[in-house]
Amino acid sequence: MSIGKTWFTPEEAQHKFGISRTLLFEWVSAGLVRAEREDGRIVRVNVDDLQLQVDDLTHL
């Protein structure tokens, strides 16, 4: 359980984790990262899910 902020905009997530928008949206499309949508656009992504994916990338 996160104590801090648990949802970031895609732009915040890109900057915090140093990943591309394309990769972020691929993870969302694959169901690996939860996202909130408004009018069909991804407006927030779950930081905990995102951290798990980034950790997997760095432990290859």
Protein backbone atom coordinates (compact mmCIF):
# COMPACT_ATOMS: atom_id res chain seq x y z
CA MET A 1 0.00 0.00 0.00
CA SER A 2 1.39 3.36 -1.02
CA ILE A 3 1.61 6.16 1.47
CA GLY A 4 2.21 8.77 -1.23
CA LYS A 5 0.46 9.64 -4.43
CA THR A 6 -0.87 6.53 -6.19
CA TRP A 7 -2.05 7.96 -9.51
CA PHE A 8 -0.01 10.08 -11.92
CA THR A 9 -0.86 11.69 -15.22
CA PRO A 10 0.92 9.96 -18.11
CA GLU A 11 3.28 12.96 -18.34
CA GLU A 12 4.16 12.79 -14.62
CA ALA A 13 4.78 9.04 -14.93
CA GLN A 14 7.06 9.53 -17.95
CA HIS A 15 9.20 12.05 -16.12
CA LYS A 16 9.32 10.21 -12.80
CA PHE A 17 10.21 6.81 -14.26
CA GLY A 18 12.06 7.86 -17.42
CA ILE A 19 9.93 5.76 -19.75
CA SER A 20 8.41 6.58 -23.10
CA ARG A 21 4.75 7.35 -23.60
CA THR A 22 4.58 4.46 -26.07
CA LEU A 23 5.86 1.93 -23.53
CA LEU A 24 3.54 3.28 -20.86
CA PHE A 25 0.50 2.94 -23.13
CA GLU A 26 1.60 -0.56 -24.21
CA TRP A 27 1.59 -1.63 -20.56
CA VAL A 28 -1.85 -0.09 -20.08
CA SER A 29 -3.16 -1.84 -23.23
CA ALA A 30 -1.74 -5.16 -22.03
CA GLY A 31 -3.49 -4.75 -18.68
CA LEU A 32 -0.22 -4.53 -16.75
CA VAL A 33 -0.82 -0.98 -15.53
CA ARG A 34 -4.24 0.23 -14.43
CA ALA A 35 -5.44 3.48 -15.92
CA GLU A 36 -8.30 5.90 -15.52
CA ARG A 37 -9.86 7.26 -18.68
CA GLU A 38 -11.93 10.31 -19.44
CA ASP A 39 -13.56 10.75 -22.85
CA GLY A 40 -11.54 7.78 -24.12
CA ARG A 41 -8.18 9.32 -23.14
CA ILE A 42 -5.85 7.92 -20.49
CA VAL A 43 -5.66 10.63 -17.85
CA ARG A 44 -4.09 8.78 -14.89
CA VAL A 45 -2.00 5.65 -14.39
CA ASN A 46 -1.43 3.65 -11.23
CA VAL A 47 2.03 4.26 -9.80
CA ASP A 48 2.23 0.93 -7.94
CA ASP A 49 1.55 -1.02 -11.14
CA LEU A 50 4.02 1.13 -13.02
CA GLN A 51 6.73 0.61 -10.41
CA LEU A 52 6.35 -3.17 -10.74
CA GLN A 53 6.86 -2.97 -14.52
CA VAL A 54 9.88 -0.69 -14.21
CA ASP A 55 11.38 -3.01 -11.58
CA ASP A 56 10.93 -5.95 -13.97
CA LEU A 57 12.81 -4.02 -16.67
CA THR A 58 15.72 -3.25 -14.39
CA HIS A 59 16.08 -6.82 -13.12
CA LEU A 60 16.63 -8.44 -16.52
